[in-house]
Amino acid sequence: MTDDVLIRTNGPIGHITLNRPKALHALTLDMCHAMSTALSEWADGDAIEAVILDHVEGTRGFCAGGDINLLRESALNDGGKSGREFFHDEYQLNHQMFTYEKPIVAFMDGVTMGGGVGIAMPCKYRVATENTRLAMPETGIGLFPDVGGGWYLSRIGGRLGQFLALTGARLDGAEALWTGLATHYLPSEMLDDIKARIVERPGRISGILSEPVGTPPKARIEENALKIAKHFASDTLEDIVASLDAAVEAGDEWAIKERDTLGTKSPQTCKVALRQLAESAKLTDFADNMRMEYRIASRVLVRPDFAEGVRAVIVDKTHDPKWDPATPAEVSDELIDSIFAPLPASEEWRPRD
């Protein structure tokens, strides 16, 4: 076990609290294993009726993602071996939570990105607050919206998922609720009381979360929903860029901002994300989605863009990544096909036993 995640029970409630504040509770392999073990122990019998997932109080993040430094070191030094191990077991946790029979309540009170989205979205109840900042920013570091991102983003509608996957746009709590990525919205000052009430009446979680009076703020992204649906309508990156370029020429300030944003992202992983969401939308089994995402992760991890993206954005903070390939036109269909191709049977991802 690890001190980076606090695991205990409180009457009929299993309680998992992320406790790695200096890293905004980003997930390590040990944290994934500890969470998975606890969920397995609580799955049997009637003693535990529901699970609360949150982070230690007084810190900004719910969970900022996965262990990016481990992944980069793996890409540079061991051919991706330890990185693939991390992805494999993290995805097993994601799938375990998705199929968990007892309700899990995730309190996304703060930064919820990447791996944090991966452990929040499978939960039956996903509570946003005024502090929530939810995003899948992976294309900016040469990755892709994994941890089940293909499944969730492809099912939002209105091409919002494609927009979020490509641009890495950050949603506040009201926007997370409007898109359906959150199921409830509460002021953060009410969270302690709400958790205490869930402990007292675990059979009434839905009612407890719905009772607080008040209307969440207006979702800002709603104002641009029609533009998003129009400009991100295609599954071809070049078409999206061309659509935004036309709007930029017409002086659309929103399009200027989004086109500039898109220009900073890895063309390779933008194309990967578009195909990922298109393929995910066709699937009926979450395990098949995770199997596909593991294939992608295994390849993208050791492609040039990932180590370079992490260097530019996270390590050196120069924000000047040199993508390879450098333009959408240079990212061939053959390259994308190779990233999605099946792995040898012995290396394919499998759900936890």
Foldseek 3Di string as FASTA:
>chain_A
DDPQWDWDADFQETEIAGRDQVQLSADDLVSLVVVVVRLVVSLDDRRHQEYEQAYDPPGAFRYQEHDLVVLLCCLVPVVRPVVLVSLQSLLLSLQCLLPRPHAYAYEGQHEQEHSSLLNQQSGPAHEAEQRHWYAHQVQLQQAWRASLLLQVLLPQDLLVSLLRGQLRHIFHRQQCCVSVSGVAYDHPVCVVVLVVVCSVPVVCNVVSRPPDDDDDDHGPCVVCSNVSSVLSVDLQPVSSLVSLVVVVVVPDPVSVVSNVSSLLGALQRSNLHSVLNVVSVPDDDSQVSSQQSSLLCSPSSNDVRNSQSCCCCPNVVVSPGCHVVRDNVPNDPVNSCNSRDHDPPVSTRDHDD
